[in-house]
N, C-alpha and C. Protein backbone atom coordinates (compact mmCIF):
# COMPACT_ATOMS: atom_id res chain seq x y z
N MET A 1 169.23 89.89 -18.53
CA MET A 1 169.38 89.04 -19.70
C MET A 1 168.30 87.96 -19.67
N ILE A 2 167.63 87.80 -20.78
CA ILE A 2 166.58 86.80 -20.89
C ILE A 2 167.19 85.45 -21.21
N ASP A 3 166.78 84.44 -20.46
CA ASP A 3 167.22 83.08 -20.73
C ASP A 3 166.44 82.57 -21.94
N ALA A 4 167.13 82.35 -23.05
CA ALA A 4 166.46 81.93 -24.28
C ALA A 4 167.31 80.92 -25.02
N ARG A 5 166.63 79.98 -25.64
CA ARG A 5 167.30 78.97 -26.46
C ARG A 5 167.51 79.54 -27.86
N GLU A 6 168.71 79.42 -28.37
CA GLU A 6 169.06 79.95 -29.70
C GLU A 6 168.43 79.09 -30.79
N VAL A 7 167.88 79.76 -31.81
CA VAL A 7 167.37 79.08 -32.99
C VAL A 7 167.97 79.76 -34.22
N THR A 8 167.88 79.07 -35.34
CA THR A 8 168.34 79.62 -36.61
C THR A 8 167.14 79.79 -37.52
N MET A 9 167.33 80.50 -38.62
CA MET A 9 166.25 80.66 -39.58
C MET A 9 165.78 79.30 -40.10
N GLU A 10 166.72 78.36 -40.21
CA GLU A 10 166.39 77.03 -40.74
C GLU A 10 165.50 76.22 -39.81
N ASN A 11 165.69 76.35 -38.49
CA ASN A 11 164.90 75.52 -37.58
C ASN A 11 163.83 76.31 -36.81
N LEU A 12 163.67 77.58 -37.12
CA LEU A 12 162.71 78.42 -36.40
C LEU A 12 161.30 77.84 -36.39
N LEU A 13 160.74 77.58 -37.56
CA LEU A 13 159.36 77.10 -37.61
C LEU A 13 159.19 75.74 -36.94
N ASP A 14 160.18 74.86 -37.08
CA ASP A 14 160.10 73.55 -36.40
C ASP A 14 160.06 73.72 -34.89
N GLU A 15 160.89 74.63 -34.37
CA GLU A 15 160.92 74.85 -32.91
C GLU A 15 159.63 75.49 -32.43
N VAL A 16 159.09 76.43 -33.20
CA VAL A 16 157.83 77.08 -32.83
C VAL A 16 156.69 76.06 -32.84
N LYS A 17 156.69 75.16 -33.84
CA LYS A 17 155.65 74.12 -33.91
C LYS A 17 155.70 73.19 -32.70
N LYS A 18 156.89 72.93 -32.19
CA LYS A 18 157.00 72.10 -30.98
C LYS A 18 156.28 72.74 -29.80
N TYR A 19 156.42 74.05 -29.67
CA TYR A 19 155.71 74.75 -28.58
C TYR A 19 154.20 74.68 -28.82
N HIS A 20 153.78 74.94 -30.04
CA HIS A 20 152.35 74.88 -30.37
C HIS A 20 151.78 73.50 -30.07
N ASP A 21 152.45 72.47 -30.57
CA ASP A 21 151.97 71.10 -30.37
C ASP A 21 152.04 70.66 -28.91
N GLY A 22 152.92 71.31 -28.15
CA GLY A 22 153.04 71.00 -26.73
C GLY A 22 152.05 71.76 -25.86
N GLY A 23 151.17 72.54 -26.48
CA GLY A 23 150.14 73.24 -25.72
C GLY A 23 150.54 74.59 -25.18
N TYR A 24 151.65 75.14 -25.65
CA TYR A 24 152.09 76.46 -25.21
C TYR A 24 151.32 77.54 -25.97
N ARG A 25 151.10 78.67 -25.32
CA ARG A 25 150.53 79.82 -26.01
C ARG A 25 151.65 80.79 -26.34
N LEU A 26 151.49 81.50 -27.44
CA LEU A 26 152.44 82.55 -27.79
C LEU A 26 152.06 83.78 -26.98
N VAL A 27 152.98 84.24 -26.13
CA VAL A 27 152.72 85.42 -25.32
C VAL A 27 152.94 86.66 -26.19
N THR A 28 154.11 86.75 -26.79
CA THR A 28 154.45 87.85 -27.70
C THR A 28 155.79 87.56 -28.34
N GLU A 29 156.18 88.43 -29.22
CA GLU A 29 157.52 88.44 -29.79
C GLU A 29 158.08 89.82 -29.50
N SER A 30 159.37 89.91 -29.30
CA SER A 30 159.99 91.21 -29.09
C SER A 30 161.27 91.31 -29.90
N CYS A 31 161.69 92.54 -30.14
CA CYS A 31 162.87 92.80 -30.97
C CYS A 31 163.82 93.69 -30.19
N VAL A 32 165.10 93.38 -30.28
CA VAL A 32 166.15 94.19 -29.65
C VAL A 32 167.14 94.57 -30.73
N ASP A 33 167.39 95.87 -30.86
CA ASP A 33 168.36 96.37 -31.84
C ASP A 33 169.75 96.26 -31.24
N LEU A 34 170.61 95.47 -31.87
CA LEU A 34 171.98 95.26 -31.39
C LEU A 34 173.01 96.07 -32.17
N GLY A 35 172.56 97.01 -32.97
CA GLY A 35 173.48 97.79 -33.80
C GLY A 35 173.46 97.31 -35.24
N ASP A 36 174.24 96.27 -35.53
CA ASP A 36 174.26 95.72 -36.89
C ASP A 36 173.39 94.48 -37.02
N LYS A 37 172.79 94.05 -35.93
CA LYS A 37 171.93 92.86 -35.91
C LYS A 37 170.68 93.14 -35.08
N PHE A 38 169.70 92.27 -35.22
CA PHE A 38 168.52 92.27 -34.36
C PHE A 38 168.44 90.94 -33.64
N ASP A 39 168.01 90.96 -32.39
CA ASP A 39 167.56 89.77 -31.68
C ASP A 39 166.05 89.78 -31.73
N ILE A 40 165.47 88.70 -32.22
CA ILE A 40 164.02 88.54 -32.15
C ILE A 40 163.77 87.44 -31.14
N LEU A 41 162.99 87.78 -30.12
CA LEU A 41 162.70 86.87 -29.02
C LEU A 41 161.24 86.43 -29.11
N TYR A 42 161.04 85.13 -29.01
CA TYR A 42 159.72 84.52 -29.05
C TYR A 42 159.42 84.02 -27.65
N HIS A 43 158.30 84.46 -27.07
CA HIS A 43 157.97 84.16 -25.68
C HIS A 43 156.73 83.26 -25.63
N PHE A 44 156.87 82.12 -24.98
CA PHE A 44 155.80 81.12 -24.88
C PHE A 44 155.51 80.82 -23.42
N ASP A 45 154.25 80.44 -23.13
CA ASP A 45 153.85 80.13 -21.76
C ASP A 45 152.99 78.88 -21.73
N LYS A 46 153.25 78.08 -20.71
CA LYS A 46 152.38 76.94 -20.41
C LYS A 46 152.43 76.72 -18.90
N ASP A 47 151.27 76.68 -18.29
CA ASP A 47 151.18 76.45 -16.84
C ASP A 47 152.06 77.42 -16.05
N TYR A 48 152.04 78.70 -16.45
CA TYR A 48 152.79 79.76 -15.78
C TYR A 48 154.30 79.60 -15.88
N LYS A 49 154.75 78.83 -16.87
CA LYS A 49 156.19 78.67 -17.10
C LYS A 49 156.51 79.34 -18.43
N LEU A 50 157.36 80.34 -18.39
CA LEU A 50 157.73 81.09 -19.58
C LEU A 50 158.99 80.49 -20.20
N GLU A 51 158.93 80.25 -21.51
CA GLU A 51 160.09 79.78 -22.26
C GLU A 51 160.29 80.70 -23.45
N ASN A 52 161.55 80.85 -23.86
CA ASN A 52 161.89 81.82 -24.89
C ASN A 52 162.82 81.22 -25.93
N LEU A 53 162.64 81.68 -27.17
CA LEU A 53 163.57 81.37 -28.26
C LEU A 53 164.20 82.68 -28.71
N ARG A 54 165.46 82.61 -29.14
CA ARG A 54 166.16 83.80 -29.64
C ARG A 54 166.68 83.53 -31.04
N LEU A 55 166.30 84.41 -31.97
CA LEU A 55 166.80 84.38 -33.33
C LEU A 55 167.59 85.66 -33.54
N THR A 56 168.87 85.54 -33.87
CA THR A 56 169.71 86.70 -34.14
C THR A 56 169.93 86.78 -35.64
N ILE A 57 169.60 87.95 -36.21
CA ILE A 57 169.70 88.13 -37.66
C ILE A 57 170.46 89.41 -37.97
N ASP A 58 171.07 89.43 -39.15
CA ASP A 58 171.65 90.67 -39.65
C ASP A 58 170.52 91.59 -40.08
N LYS A 59 170.75 92.89 -39.96
CA LYS A 59 169.75 93.84 -40.44
C LYS A 59 169.59 93.67 -41.94
N GLY A 60 168.37 93.80 -42.41
CA GLY A 60 168.08 93.65 -43.82
C GLY A 60 167.71 92.24 -44.24
N VAL A 61 167.89 91.26 -43.35
CA VAL A 61 167.53 89.87 -43.64
C VAL A 61 166.03 89.70 -43.38
N ARG A 62 165.34 89.07 -44.30
CA ARG A 62 163.92 88.79 -44.12
C ARG A 62 163.76 87.56 -43.22
N VAL A 63 162.78 87.63 -42.32
CA VAL A 63 162.56 86.59 -41.32
C VAL A 63 161.30 85.80 -41.69
N LYS A 64 161.34 84.50 -41.43
CA LYS A 64 160.14 83.68 -41.63
C LYS A 64 159.10 84.06 -40.58
N SER A 65 157.91 84.33 -41.02
CA SER A 65 156.81 84.61 -40.10
C SER A 65 156.37 83.32 -39.42
N ILE A 66 155.99 83.44 -38.16
CA ILE A 66 155.44 82.27 -37.46
C ILE A 66 153.91 82.32 -37.45
N SER A 67 153.33 83.25 -38.22
CA SER A 67 151.87 83.41 -38.21
C SER A 67 151.14 82.21 -38.82
N SER A 68 151.85 81.35 -39.54
CA SER A 68 151.22 80.12 -40.03
C SER A 68 151.02 79.11 -38.91
N VAL A 69 151.75 79.27 -37.82
CA VAL A 69 151.62 78.39 -36.65
C VAL A 69 150.76 79.07 -35.58
N TYR A 70 151.10 80.30 -35.25
CA TYR A 70 150.34 81.11 -34.29
C TYR A 70 149.83 82.34 -35.04
N PHE A 71 148.55 82.34 -35.41
CA PHE A 71 147.99 83.44 -36.19
C PHE A 71 148.17 84.78 -35.48
N SER A 72 148.11 84.78 -34.15
CA SER A 72 148.22 86.02 -33.38
C SER A 72 149.57 86.71 -33.57
N ALA A 73 150.54 86.02 -34.15
CA ALA A 73 151.85 86.63 -34.40
C ALA A 73 151.76 87.78 -35.40
N ILE A 74 150.63 87.89 -36.11
CA ILE A 74 150.51 88.99 -37.08
C ILE A 74 150.66 90.34 -36.40
N PHE A 75 150.25 90.45 -35.16
CA PHE A 75 150.32 91.75 -34.48
C PHE A 75 151.74 92.11 -34.08
N SER A 76 152.45 91.20 -33.44
CA SER A 76 153.82 91.52 -33.03
C SER A 76 154.76 91.62 -34.23
N GLU A 77 154.52 90.82 -35.27
CA GLU A 77 155.40 90.89 -36.44
C GLU A 77 155.14 92.16 -37.25
N ASN A 78 153.89 92.58 -37.36
CA ASN A 78 153.61 93.86 -38.01
C ASN A 78 154.17 95.02 -37.20
N GLU A 79 154.12 94.91 -35.88
CA GLU A 79 154.70 95.95 -35.03
C GLU A 79 156.21 96.05 -35.25
N MET A 80 156.89 94.89 -35.35
CA MET A 80 158.34 94.92 -35.62
C MET A 80 158.64 95.53 -36.98
N GLN A 81 157.78 95.27 -37.96
CA GLN A 81 157.97 95.89 -39.28
C GLN A 81 157.87 97.41 -39.15
N ASP A 82 156.86 97.88 -38.43
CA ASP A 82 156.66 99.32 -38.26
C ASP A 82 157.80 99.97 -37.48
N MET A 83 158.12 99.40 -36.35
CA MET A 83 159.03 100.06 -35.41
C MET A 83 160.52 99.84 -35.70
N PHE A 84 160.87 98.66 -36.26
CA PHE A 84 162.28 98.34 -36.46
C PHE A 84 162.66 98.15 -37.93
N GLY A 85 161.68 98.03 -38.82
CA GLY A 85 161.99 97.80 -40.23
C GLY A 85 162.31 96.35 -40.55
N VAL A 86 162.05 95.42 -39.62
CA VAL A 86 162.24 93.99 -39.87
C VAL A 86 161.14 93.53 -40.82
N LYS A 87 161.49 92.80 -41.87
CA LYS A 87 160.51 92.30 -42.84
C LYS A 87 160.31 90.80 -42.65
N PHE A 88 159.06 90.35 -42.82
CA PHE A 88 158.71 88.94 -42.61
C PHE A 88 158.17 88.33 -43.89
N ASP A 89 158.65 87.14 -44.19
CA ASP A 89 158.13 86.35 -45.32
C ASP A 89 157.01 85.46 -44.81
N GLY A 90 155.90 85.42 -45.56
CA GLY A 90 154.80 84.53 -45.20
C GLY A 90 153.89 85.07 -44.11
N LEU A 91 153.95 86.36 -43.84
CA LEU A 91 153.10 86.97 -42.82
C LEU A 91 151.63 86.87 -43.26
N ALA A 92 150.80 86.22 -42.44
CA ALA A 92 149.41 85.93 -42.82
C ALA A 92 148.61 87.20 -43.15
N VAL A 93 148.81 88.26 -42.39
CA VAL A 93 148.19 89.56 -42.66
C VAL A 93 149.29 90.61 -42.53
N ASP A 94 149.62 91.25 -43.64
CA ASP A 94 150.71 92.22 -43.67
C ASP A 94 150.12 93.62 -43.86
N TYR A 95 150.28 94.45 -42.84
CA TYR A 95 149.76 95.82 -42.90
C TYR A 95 150.69 96.77 -43.66
N GLY A 96 151.79 96.24 -44.19
CA GLY A 96 152.68 97.05 -45.02
C GLY A 96 153.27 98.26 -44.32
N GLY A 97 153.58 98.12 -43.05
CA GLY A 97 154.19 99.23 -42.31
C GLY A 97 153.19 100.25 -41.80
N LYS A 98 151.91 99.93 -41.83
CA LYS A 98 150.88 100.90 -41.42
C LYS A 98 149.98 100.38 -40.30
N LEU A 99 150.44 99.42 -39.53
CA LEU A 99 149.65 98.97 -38.38
C LEU A 99 149.62 100.05 -37.31
N LEU A 100 150.79 100.60 -36.99
CA LEU A 100 150.91 101.60 -35.92
C LEU A 100 151.32 102.98 -36.41
N LEU A 101 151.86 103.05 -37.61
CA LEU A 101 152.40 104.32 -38.11
C LEU A 101 151.50 104.92 -39.17
N GLY A 102 151.42 106.24 -39.18
CA GLY A 102 150.66 106.96 -40.18
C GLY A 102 151.53 107.33 -41.37
N GLU A 103 150.92 107.94 -42.35
CA GLU A 103 151.63 108.33 -43.58
C GLU A 103 152.82 109.25 -43.30
N ASP A 104 152.71 110.13 -42.31
CA ASP A 104 153.77 111.10 -42.02
C ASP A 104 154.70 110.67 -40.91
N SER A 105 154.53 109.45 -40.41
CA SER A 105 155.37 108.95 -39.32
C SER A 105 156.77 108.64 -39.82
N PRO A 106 157.76 108.77 -38.94
CA PRO A 106 159.11 108.34 -39.33
C PRO A 106 159.12 106.83 -39.53
N LEU A 107 159.93 106.36 -40.46
CA LEU A 107 160.03 104.92 -40.71
C LEU A 107 160.93 104.29 -39.66
N SER A 108 160.55 103.11 -39.19
CA SER A 108 161.27 102.32 -38.20
C SER A 108 161.86 103.17 -37.07
N PRO A 109 161.01 103.86 -36.31
CA PRO A 109 161.51 104.78 -35.28
C PRO A 109 162.26 104.14 -34.13
N MET A 110 162.14 102.84 -33.93
CA MET A 110 162.84 102.19 -32.82
C MET A 110 164.22 101.66 -33.20
N ALA A 111 164.53 101.63 -34.48
CA ALA A 111 165.82 101.13 -34.94
C ALA A 111 166.89 102.21 -34.74
N HIS A 112 168.10 101.79 -34.42
CA HIS A 112 169.20 102.74 -34.26
C HIS A 112 169.49 103.47 -35.55
N ILE A 113 169.41 102.75 -36.65
CA ILE A 113 169.63 103.35 -37.96
C ILE A 113 168.26 103.48 -38.60
N GLN A 114 167.84 104.73 -38.79
CA GLN A 114 166.50 104.95 -39.33
C GLN A 114 166.51 104.88 -40.85
N ILE A 115 165.54 104.21 -41.40
CA ILE A 115 165.38 104.13 -42.85
C ILE A 115 164.74 105.44 -43.30
N VAL A 116 165.34 106.09 -44.28
CA VAL A 116 164.85 107.38 -44.74
C VAL A 116 164.05 107.19 -46.02
N LYS A 117 162.86 107.74 -46.04
CA LYS A 117 161.99 107.65 -47.21
C LYS A 117 162.43 108.70 -48.22
N LYS A 118 162.75 108.27 -49.44
CA LYS A 118 163.14 109.19 -50.51
C LYS A 118 161.89 109.66 -51.24
N GLU A 119 161.82 110.94 -51.48
CA GLU A 119 160.71 111.49 -52.24
C GLU A 119 160.98 111.28 -53.72
N ASP A 120 159.97 110.88 -54.46
CA ASP A 120 160.05 110.69 -55.91
C ASP A 120 160.19 112.07 -56.54
N ALA A 121 161.21 112.30 -57.34
CA ALA A 121 161.46 113.60 -57.96
C ALA A 121 160.29 114.04 -58.82
N GLY A 122 159.54 113.11 -59.38
CA GLY A 122 158.40 113.44 -60.22
C GLY A 122 157.19 113.89 -59.44
N ASN A 123 157.20 113.65 -58.11
CA ASN A 123 156.05 113.99 -57.27
C ASN A 123 156.31 115.21 -56.39
N VAL A 124 157.34 115.97 -56.68
CA VAL A 124 157.69 117.11 -55.82
C VAL A 124 156.80 118.29 -56.11
């Protein structure tokens, strides 16, 4: 179990800004599928000390991107979009689900419940 401080959607950006202003680097973000919810973990480092934030959300809820604070978050947040189907508001660079997946790839392959792409009846 990762030791992480709980955050909410309302205070997420404020808490992330505290790490940025305190000289921490963003190591990565990770996602854990809990069934009906996701845990999104934010990992920060300063002087070899790792600190973590945990945001627990219902599936289908859009998450605030932290890419306005840490631009490098575009990679981990786009990866979560591809692999888990988590959507981010305010993502500085949004690859639209195509950072890691190709046109014929399954959608959100890491999520327990896979999103199924419906074919347009007019394009059959």
